[in-house]
Amino acid sequence: MEEKGRKWLYVSLAIALIVPLTTIGQAQRVQAVEQPDIDAKSYVLMDAESGRLLLSKEADTPLPPASMTKMMTEYLVLKAIEDGTLSWEQEVPVSANASKIEGSQVWLAENEVRTVRELFTAMSVYSANDATVALAEEVAGSETAFVEMMNEKAEDMGLNDTHFLNSTGLPQDMYPNPPQVDGEHLMSAKDSATLAKYLIEDFPDITEFTTIDKATFREGEPGAIDMINWNRMIKGLEHEYEGVDGLKTGETDAAGACFTGTAVRDNLRLIAVVMGTDSRNKRFEETKKLFEYGFTHYELKEFVKGNAPVPENETVDVRGGKKTEVEALTDRSVRFAVEKGTEKKYEAKVTFKEGLKAPIKAGDVVGELTYLYNGEPMANFQPVPLRAAADVEEAGWFRLFFRGLKDVVSGVFNGIADSVTGVFSS
């Protein structure tokens, strides 16, 4: 009986030790996938590398974006500089229209002359509406013409839930002479993140401006204005968060307090958008929750290099060519954020074009690469084109005749070999 009692005691102790440990493990797993509670009308957390949404709420709902609008103005000004139609040191005379814009401003006077760099800094750091309009007019001749450019570029970028009425994001009634554009001024959280992605990718030097914590407009001159960056999450300001290097705040009565922020850690860049929060501090607090979730649970992984074949799908068959196959190379590298520890759940899926015929030129698209997660197509993943690595010239009839004859003879001999093998294995 004593022996039996000791056995029960050991079993009881083992259960007492194992059950709490199991419970702790389960709690940790639940905690690992728990999503943050974000107090905003809409929000997204995007992997900047792939454009994939990691978290979202009302991502496609068009809402007033306020001064986050200026990201598109920044993009078009930088594009004009890249194209050579504008330069950083180019002097811009301020129009009467620009001098009368309300809201955040640097109090530009009519006929005051400032450089593009000065105005761009005021727009990026201080969200100055007057500087923004002055730049828009310099690029396009009028703000109305500039807004047409904005909407055209939005369409090019696939911003399907976006429409601009002006270059600043101000309500039209805050303009003395608003641009003559119909519709509503709206942008979704997903579109805002996508716009930020384009801005960072195409013009990475934008962060030289968006990381300026403090600057002085008209430094050393009468009317000097000390500007503090409205993005209080950059280094040196009260909501500083490691890795934040942009991008744009916004606030109006209709929009509430909004923010499109971006941060990078360990090569993983995230873009967070919150729209319709109830205070300036709240937009940064909610953005921090999104970044914390992203950097805690995700890491950047490279699955295939750019201009490289996909393992086990290196070549595609070609009909009627001097070569019967051609190597297929990725159009770009495939890197995206994955939940830590889940890399093996992702699987490449290659789809080649059917019935490819010669001639084929190097660079022609011959297929596409997508990825599956747990056997299901990944949401928001943009397929990667696969391109021919070399030319494949069309074969002459003589070559094709003997290739066909070879295939027939090979087929006959293979059939005989299979028959003989069948006899001896019976």
Protein backbone atom coordinates (compact mmCIF):
# COMPACT_ATOMS: atom_id res chain seq x y z
CA MET A 1 0.00 0.00 0.00
CA GLU A 2 2.86 2.34 0.83
CA GLU A 3 4.43 1.64 -2.60
CA LYS A 4 1.11 2.34 -4.30
CA GLY A 5 0.72 5.55 -2.32
CA ARG A 6 4.15 6.77 -3.33
CA LYS A 7 3.33 6.19 -7.02
CA TRP A 8 0.17 8.27 -6.72
CA LEU A 9 2.17 10.99 -4.99
CA TYR A 10 4.70 11.08 -7.86
CA VAL A 11 1.92 11.23 -10.47
CA SER A 12 0.20 14.06 -8.60
CA LEU A 13 3.43 16.05 -8.37
CA ALA A 14 4.11 15.54 -12.06
CA ILE A 15 0.63 16.78 -12.99
CA ALA A 16 1.04 19.75 -10.67
CA LEU A 17 4.25 20.72 -12.47
CA ILE A 18 3.21 19.98 -16.08
CA VAL A 19 -0.23 21.62 -16.12
CA PRO A 20 0.97 25.13 -15.12
CA LEU A 21 3.80 24.94 -17.68
CA THR A 22 1.35 23.90 -20.40
CA THR A 23 -0.98 26.73 -19.44
CA ILE A 24 1.88 29.22 -19.55
CA GLY A 25 2.88 27.97 -22.99
CA GLN A 26 -0.68 28.32 -24.25
CA ALA A 27 -0.95 31.82 -22.80
CA GLN A 28 2.29 32.82 -24.48
CA ARG A 29 1.04 31.54 -27.83
CA VAL A 30 -2.21 33.45 -27.45
CA GLN A 31 -0.33 36.58 -26.47
CA ALA A 32 1.99 36.20 -29.48
CA VAL A 33 -0.86 36.51 -31.96
CA GLU A 34 -2.99 38.99 -30.04
CA GLN A 35 -3.65 42.06 -32.13
CA PRO A 36 -3.51 45.57 -30.66
CA ASP A 37 -6.68 47.54 -30.00
CA ILE A 38 -6.35 50.64 -32.19
CA ASP A 39 -8.56 53.63 -31.43
CA ALA A 40 -9.00 55.10 -34.93
CA LYS A 41 -11.67 55.21 -37.62
CA SER A 42 -9.38 53.32 -39.96
CA TYR A 43 -5.80 52.07 -39.92
CA VAL A 44 -3.31 49.87 -41.71
CA LEU A 45 0.08 48.39 -40.97
CA MET A 46 1.96 47.68 -44.19
CA ASP A 47 5.15 45.82 -45.01
CA ALA A 48 6.92 48.45 -47.12
CA GLU A 49 8.91 45.86 -49.06
CA SER A 50 5.93 43.98 -50.50
CA GLY A 51 3.01 46.33 -49.89
CA ARG A 52 1.25 43.55 -47.96
CA LEU A 53 -1.09 44.60 -45.16
CA LEU A 54 -0.23 43.03 -41.82
CA LEU A 55 -3.09 44.64 -39.91
CA SER A 56 -6.02 46.75 -41.04
CA LYS A 57 -9.44 48.18 -40.25
CA GLU A 58 -11.60 49.93 -42.86
CA ALA A 59 -8.49 49.97 -45.06
CA ASP A 60 -10.37 50.88 -48.25
CA THR A 61 -12.77 53.41 -46.75
CA PRO A 62 -12.21 56.88 -48.28
CA LEU A 63 -11.85 59.53 -45.55
CA PRO A 64 -10.59 63.13 -45.41
CA PRO A 65 -6.77 62.84 -45.27
CA ALA A 66 -6.00 66.44 -44.25
CA SER A 67 -2.30 67.28 -44.72
CA MET A 68 -1.31 63.70 -45.50
CA THR A 69 -2.31 64.97 -48.96
CA LYS A 70 1.07 66.70 -49.07
CA MET A 71 2.82 63.37 -49.62
CA MET A 72 1.56 63.51 -53.21
CA THR A 73 2.69 67.12 -53.53
CA GLU A 74 6.12 66.10 -52.25
CA TYR A 75 6.22 63.26 -54.76
CA LEU A 76 5.44 65.49 -57.74
CA VAL A 77 7.88 68.20 -56.68
CA LEU A 78 10.64 65.60 -56.30
CA LYS A 79 9.70 64.16 -59.69
CA ALA A 80 10.00 67.61 -61.27
CA ILE A 81 13.45 68.01 -59.72
CA GLU A 82 14.46 64.56 -60.99
CA ASP A 83 13.22 65.44 -64.48
CA GLY A 84 15.15 68.73 -64.46
CA THR A 85 12.14 71.04 -64.75
CA LEU A 86 12.77 72.29 -61.22
CA SER A 87 15.90 72.70 -59.08
CA TRP A 88 16.52 72.98 -55.37
CA GLU A 89 18.00 76.45 -55.57
CA GLN A 90 15.44 77.76 -58.06
CA GLU A 91 13.79 80.93 -56.77
CA VAL A 92 10.02 80.96 -56.49
CA PRO A 93 8.04 84.22 -56.35
CA VAL A 94 5.03 83.88 -54.07
CA SER A 95 1.66 84.61 -55.67
CA ALA A 96 -1.18 86.53 -54.04
CA ASN A 97 -3.14 83.28 -53.96
CA ALA A 98 -0.43 81.37 -52.07
CA SER A 99 0.06 84.22 -49.60
CA LYS A 100 -3.61 84.12 -48.56
CA ILE A 101 -3.86 80.40 -47.71
CA GLU A 102 -4.96 79.68 -44.16
CA GLY A 103 -4.00 77.00 -41.63
CA SER A 104 -0.42 76.02 -40.82
CA GLN A 105 1.88 78.43 -42.65
CA VAL A 106 5.13 80.41 -42.65
CA TRP A 107 3.35 83.67 -43.47
CA LEU A 108 4.63 84.11 -46.99
CA ALA A 109 4.05 87.58 -48.42
CA GLU A 110 2.95 88.29 -51.97
CA ASN A 111 6.01 88.65 -54.24
CA GLU A 112 8.32 87.26 -51.55
CA VAL A 113 10.96 85.10 -53.18
CA ARG A 114 12.08 81.79 -51.67
CA THR A 115 14.02 78.80 -53.01
CA VAL A 116 12.43 75.46 -53.73
CA ARG A 117 14.51 73.97 -50.93
CA GLU A 118 13.20 76.49 -48.40
CA LEU A 119 9.60 75.93 -49.43
CA PHE A 120 9.97 72.13 -49.52
CA THR A 121 11.47 72.15 -46.02
CA ALA A 122 8.60 74.29 -44.73
CA MET A 123 6.09 71.91 -46.32
CA SER A 124 7.74 68.71 -45.06
CA VAL A 125 8.62 69.86 -41.55
CA TYR A 126 5.96 72.42 -40.70
CA SER A 127 3.19 71.39 -43.11
CA ALA A 128 3.10 74.98 -44.37
CA ASN A 129 0.11 75.40 -46.67
CA ASP A 130 1.34 78.61 -48.26
CA ALA A 131 4.68 77.01 -49.15
CA THR A 132 2.84 73.99 -50.55
CA VAL A 133 0.66 76.08 -52.87
CA ALA A 134 3.67 78.13 -54.00
CA LEU A 135 5.44 74.91 -55.03
CA ALA A 136 2.34 73.55 -56.77
CA GLU A 137 1.98 76.74 -58.80
CA GLU A 138 5.67 76.71 -59.71
CA VAL A 139 5.49 73.13 -60.98
CA ALA A 140 2.24 73.33 -62.96
CA GLY A 141 1.47 77.02 -63.45
CA SER A 142 -1.64 76.89 -61.29
CA GLU A 143 -2.85 74.80 -58.37
CA THR A 144 -5.78 73.54 -60.44
CA ALA A 145 -3.38 72.17 -63.05
CA PHE A 146 -1.23 70.68 -60.29
CA VAL A 147 -4.23 68.89 -58.76
CA GLU A 148 -4.95 67.35 -62.14
CA MET A 149 -1.40 65.99 -62.05
CA MET A 150 -2.01 64.66 -58.55
CA ASN A 151 -5.12 62.74 -59.59
CA GLU A 152 -3.42 61.35 -62.68
CA LYS A 153 -0.51 60.10 -60.59
CA ALA A 154 -2.93 58.63 -58.03
CA GLU A 155 -4.51 56.63 -60.83
CA ASP A 156 -1.09 55.48 -62.04
CA MET A 157 -0.26 54.30 -58.52
CA GLY A 158 -3.50 52.35 -58.24
CA LEU A 159 -4.91 54.57 -55.50
CA ASN A 160 -8.49 53.59 -56.26
CA ASP A 161 -10.04 55.20 -53.18
CA THR A 162 -8.36 58.59 -53.55
CA HIS A 163 -9.39 61.89 -55.09
CA PHE A 164 -7.73 65.26 -54.54
CA LEU A 165 -9.24 68.74 -54.71
CA ASN A 166 -6.13 70.68 -53.72
CA SER A 167 -2.43 70.29 -52.94
CA THR A 168 -2.66 70.86 -49.18
CA GLY A 169 -5.56 68.83 -47.77
CA LEU A 170 -7.27 71.96 -46.42
CA PRO A 171 -11.06 72.24 -46.67
CA GLN A 172 -11.95 74.16 -49.81
CA ASP A 173 -13.65 76.90 -47.77
CA MET A 174 -10.26 77.80 -46.27
CA TYR A 175 -9.10 78.87 -49.74
CA PRO A 176 -9.79 82.40 -51.01
CA ASN A 177 -9.82 80.96 -54.55
CA PRO A 178 -9.93 77.16 -54.36
CA PRO A 179 -8.74 75.01 -57.27
CA GLN A 180 -11.50 74.28 -59.77
CA VAL A 181 -11.80 70.53 -59.27
CA ASP A 182 -15.03 68.58 -58.78
CA GLY A 183 -15.75 65.83 -56.27
CA GLU A 184 -14.67 65.21 -52.68
CA HIS A 185 -11.18 65.30 -51.20
CA LEU A 186 -10.70 61.75 -49.88
CA MET A 187 -8.09 59.04 -49.42
CA SER A 188 -8.21 55.62 -47.78
CA ALA A 189 -5.71 54.37 -45.21
CA LYS A 190 -4.46 51.72 -47.63
CA ASP A 191 -3.98 54.31 -50.37
CA SER A 192 -2.12 56.57 -47.97
CA ALA A 193 0.26 53.74 -47.07
CA THR A 194 0.71 52.89 -50.76
CA LEU A 195 1.48 56.52 -51.58
CA ALA A 196 4.03 56.55 -48.75
CA LYS A 197 5.58 53.36 -50.16
CA TYR A 198 6.00 54.97 -53.60
CA LEU A 199 7.42 58.15 -52.06
CA ILE A 200 10.03 56.26 -50.03
CA GLU A 201 10.97 53.84 -52.83
CA ASP A 202 11.21 56.37 -55.65
CA PHE A 203 12.72 59.20 -53.58
CA PRO A 204 14.52 57.72 -50.55
CA ASP A 205 16.17 61.09 -49.88
CA ILE A 206 12.79 62.36 -48.65
CA THR A 207 13.86 61.24 -45.18
CA GLU A 208 16.55 63.94 -45.19
CA PHE A 209 13.65 66.38 -44.81
CA THR A 210 11.20 64.29 -42.77
CA THR A 211 13.78 63.64 -40.02
CA ILE A 212 14.46 67.34 -39.40
CA ASP A 213 13.16 67.91 -35.89
CA LYS A 214 13.59 71.69 -35.81
CA ALA A 215 14.40 74.35 -38.40
CA THR A 216 14.10 78.11 -38.84
CA PHE A 217 12.39 79.67 -41.82
CA ARG A 218 13.91 83.02 -42.87
CA GLU A 219 16.79 82.39 -40.46
CA GLY A 220 18.62 85.63 -39.73
CA GLU A 221 15.93 87.69 -41.44
CA PRO A 222 12.94 89.70 -40.21
CA GLY A 223 9.93 87.45 -39.71
CA ALA A 224 11.98 84.36 -38.87
CA ILE A 225 9.82 81.41 -37.79
CA ASP A 226 10.99 78.49 -35.66
CA MET A 227 9.50 75.31 -37.07
CA ILE A 228 9.07 72.11 -35.03
CA ASN A 229 8.28 68.97 -37.00
CA TRP A 230 4.62 67.98 -36.57
CA ASN A 231 5.76 64.35 -36.59
CA ARG A 232 6.62 64.06 -32.93
CA MET A 233 7.80 60.44 -33.29
CA ILE A 234 11.13 61.31 -34.90
CA LYS A 235 14.34 61.47 -32.91
CA GLY A 236 14.55 64.40 -30.50
CA LEU A 237 10.81 64.99 -30.04
CA GLU A 238 8.41 63.97 -27.27
CA HIS A 239 6.96 60.81 -28.86
CA GLU A 240 10.33 59.61 -30.19
CA TYR A 241 10.21 56.00 -31.39
CA GLU A 242 13.29 54.10 -32.51
CA GLY A 243 13.53 53.85 -36.29
CA VAL A 244 10.90 56.43 -37.25
CA ASP A 245 12.10 58.60 -40.15
CA GLY A 246 8.82 59.95 -41.59
CA LEU A 247 6.38 60.77 -42.85
CA LYS A 248 3.32 63.08 -42.69
CA THR A 249 0.72 64.20 -40.18
CA GLY A 250 -2.68 65.73 -40.89
CA GLU A 251 -5.50 67.33 -38.95
CA THR A 252 -8.77 69.06 -39.76
CA ASP A 253 -12.18 69.06 -38.10
CA ALA A 254 -13.49 66.60 -40.68
CA ALA A 255 -10.42 64.35 -40.70
CA GLY A 256 -9.58 64.31 -37.02
CA ALA A 257 -5.92 63.71 -36.20
CA CYS A 258 -4.22 61.51 -38.81
CA PHE A 259 -0.73 60.20 -39.36
CA THR A 260 1.19 58.23 -41.94
CA GLY A 261 4.36 57.07 -40.22
CA THR A 262 7.22 54.85 -41.27
CA ALA A 263 9.97 53.16 -39.29
CA VAL A 264 12.77 50.73 -40.05
CA ARG A 265 14.49 48.20 -37.80
CA ASP A 266 16.76 45.28 -38.80
CA ASN A 267 16.06 46.04 -42.48
CA LEU A 268 12.31 45.69 -41.94
CA ARG A 269 10.47 48.87 -42.91
CA LEU A 270 6.88 49.27 -41.79
CA ILE A 271 4.34 51.89 -42.79
CA ALA A 272 1.50 52.68 -40.38
CA VAL A 273 -1.52 54.85 -41.11
CA VAL A 274 -4.10 55.98 -38.57
CA MET A 275 -7.06 58.12 -39.60
CA GLY A 276 -9.72 59.79 -37.52
CA THR A 277 -8.14 59.70 -34.07
CA ASP A 278 -9.36 62.20 -31.50
CA SER A 279 -6.14 64.06 -30.66
CA ARG A 280 -2.62 64.82 -31.82
CA ASN A 281 -1.11 62.68 -29.08
CA LYS A 282 -3.53 59.83 -29.76
CA ARG A 283 -2.39 59.45 -33.38
CA PHE A 284 1.18 58.82 -32.19
CA GLU A 285 0.10 56.50 -29.37
CA GLU A 286 -1.92 54.36 -31.77
CA THR A 287 0.88 54.36 -34.34
CA LYS A 288 3.28 53.14 -31.66
CA LYS A 289 0.96 50.19 -30.95
CA LEU A 290 1.03 49.24 -34.63
CA PHE A 291 4.82 49.49 -34.84
CA GLU A 292 5.26 47.51 -31.63
CA TYR A 293 3.08 44.73 -33.00
CA GLY A 294 4.90 44.70 -36.32
CA PHE A 295 8.46 44.71 -35.05
CA THR A 296 7.68 42.19 -32.28
CA HIS A 297 6.04 39.58 -34.48
CA TYR A 298 7.52 40.04 -37.96
CA GLU A 299 10.91 39.86 -39.64
CA LEU A 300 12.10 40.44 -43.20
CA LYS A 301 12.97 37.33 -45.21
CA GLU A 302 14.38 37.04 -48.72
CA PHE A 303 12.96 34.06 -50.62
CA VAL A 304 14.43 34.64 -54.10
CA LYS A 305 17.06 37.08 -55.32
CA GLY A 306 16.40 39.49 -58.16
CA ASN A 307 17.37 38.40 -61.71
CA ALA A 308 17.62 34.79 -60.52
CA PRO A 309 15.83 31.52 -61.35
CA VAL A 310 13.23 30.08 -58.99
CA PRO A 311 14.49 26.74 -57.56
CA GLU A 312 12.81 23.75 -59.24
CA ASN A 313 11.32 26.09 -61.86
CA GLU A 314 14.46 27.26 -63.60
CA THR A 315 13.34 26.88 -67.23
CA VAL A 316 10.19 27.00 -69.37
CA ASP A 317 9.53 25.02 -72.56
CA VAL A 318 9.51 26.86 -75.88
CA ARG A 319 7.90 25.54 -79.06
CA GLY A 320 9.30 26.12 -82.52
CA GLY A 321 12.63 27.53 -81.42
CA LYS A 322 16.27 26.71 -82.01
CA LYS A 323 16.28 25.99 -78.27
CA THR A 324 13.56 23.92 -76.65
CA GLU A 325 13.62 25.83 -73.37
CA VAL A 326 14.78 29.11 -71.86
CA GLU A 327 15.83 30.10 -68.38
CA ALA A 328 13.28 32.22 -66.49
CA LEU A 329 14.56 34.92 -64.14
CA THR A 330 12.75 36.95 -61.49
CA ASP A 331 11.97 40.56 -62.33
CA ARG A 332 12.95 41.59 -58.80
CA SER A 333 13.95 40.03 -55.50
CA VAL A 334 11.20 38.54 -53.39
CA ARG A 335 11.42 39.80 -49.84
CA PHE A 336 8.58 40.33 -47.44
CA ALA A 337 7.72 40.39 -43.78
CA VAL A 338 6.84 37.03 -42.24
CA GLU A 339 5.69 36.16 -38.78
CA LYS A 340 8.72 34.99 -36.85
CA GLY A 341 9.11 31.22 -36.99
CA THR A 342 6.72 30.70 -39.91
CA GLU A 343 9.10 30.92 -42.86
CA LYS A 344 8.57 27.26 -43.82
CA LYS A 345 4.83 27.84 -44.23
CA TYR A 346 5.49 29.90 -47.37
CA GLU A 347 5.71 28.13 -50.72
CA ALA A 348 6.61 29.47 -54.16
CA LYS A 349 4.10 28.94 -56.96
CA VAL A 350 5.30 29.47 -60.54
CA THR A 351 2.83 29.80 -63.41
CA PHE A 352 4.39 29.78 -66.88
CA LYS A 353 2.56 31.00 -69.97
CA GLU A 354 1.07 28.12 -71.90
CA GLY A 355 2.22 27.30 -75.42
CA LEU A 356 5.18 29.67 -75.56
CA LYS A 357 6.41 29.95 -79.15
CA ALA A 358 9.61 31.28 -80.64
CA PRO A 359 10.79 33.89 -81.31
CA ILE A 360 11.30 35.12 -77.76
CA LYS A 361 13.39 38.12 -76.77
CA ALA A 362 15.46 38.34 -73.60
CA GLY A 363 13.32 40.17 -71.06
CA ASP A 364 9.99 38.95 -72.40
CA VAL A 365 7.58 37.92 -69.66
CA VAL A 366 7.22 34.12 -69.71
CA GLY A 367 5.41 33.58 -66.40
CA GLU A 368 4.87 34.85 -62.90
CA LEU A 369 5.77 33.96 -59.35
CA THR A 370 3.36 34.09 -56.42
CA TYR A 371 3.49 32.68 -52.92
CA LEU A 372 1.22 30.47 -50.88
CA TYR A 373 0.86 30.52 -47.11
CA ASN A 374 -0.31 27.23 -45.61
CA GLY A 375 -1.32 26.23 -49.11
CA GLU A 376 -3.50 29.31 -49.69
CA PRO A 377 -2.65 32.34 -51.89
CA MET A 378 -1.13 35.21 -49.92
CA ALA A 379 -3.39 38.23 -49.63
CA ASN A 380 -2.14 41.51 -51.10
CA PHE A 381 0.92 39.88 -52.70
CA GLN A 382 1.84 41.39 -56.06
CA PRO A 383 2.91 38.64 -58.51
CA VAL A 384 6.53 38.85 -59.65
CA PRO A 385 7.04 38.66 -63.44
CA LEU A 386 9.44 35.99 -64.71
CA ARG A 387 11.42 37.05 -67.76
CA ALA A 388 13.35 35.15 -70.42
CA ALA A 389 17.09 35.18 -69.73
CA ALA A 390 18.05 34.98 -73.41
CA ASP A 391 16.73 35.23 -76.97
CA VAL A 392 15.20 32.13 -78.52
CA GLU A 393 15.23 32.33 -82.29
CA GLU A 394 12.62 30.62 -84.43
CA ALA A 395 13.85 27.30 -85.86
CA GLY A 396 13.76 26.46 -89.57
CA TRP A 397 11.57 23.68 -90.97
CA PHE A 398 14.58 21.38 -91.46
CA ARG A 399 15.54 21.52 -87.77
CA LEU A 400 11.94 21.09 -86.68
CA PHE A 401 11.44 18.10 -89.04
CA PHE A 402 14.39 16.15 -87.64
CA ARG A 403 13.51 17.14 -84.08
CA GLY A 404 10.03 15.71 -84.65
CA LEU A 405 11.48 12.56 -86.25
CA LYS A 406 13.79 12.11 -83.29
CA ASP A 407 10.85 12.41 -80.92
CA VAL A 408 8.91 9.76 -82.86
CA VAL A 409 11.81 7.30 -82.94
CA SER A 410 12.54 7.91 -79.27
CA GLY A 411 8.89 7.28 -78.49
CA VAL A 412 8.90 3.96 -80.40
CA PHE A 413 12.02 2.67 -78.65
CA ASN A 414 10.72 3.75 -75.26
CA GLY A 415 7.51 1.83 -75.98
CA ILE A 416 9.43 -1.32 -76.93
CA ALA A 417 11.61 -1.01 -73.82
CA ASP A 418 8.53 -0.68 -71.63
CA SER A 419 6.97 -3.79 -73.26
CA VAL A 420 10.10 -5.88 -72.73
CA THR A 421 10.38 -4.74 -69.14
CA GLY A 422 6.76 -5.71 -68.64
CA VAL A 423 7.33 -9.25 -69.98
CA PHE A 424 10.26 -9.97 -67.66
CA SER A 425 8.56 -8.50 -64.64
CA SER A 426 5.41 -10.66 -65.15
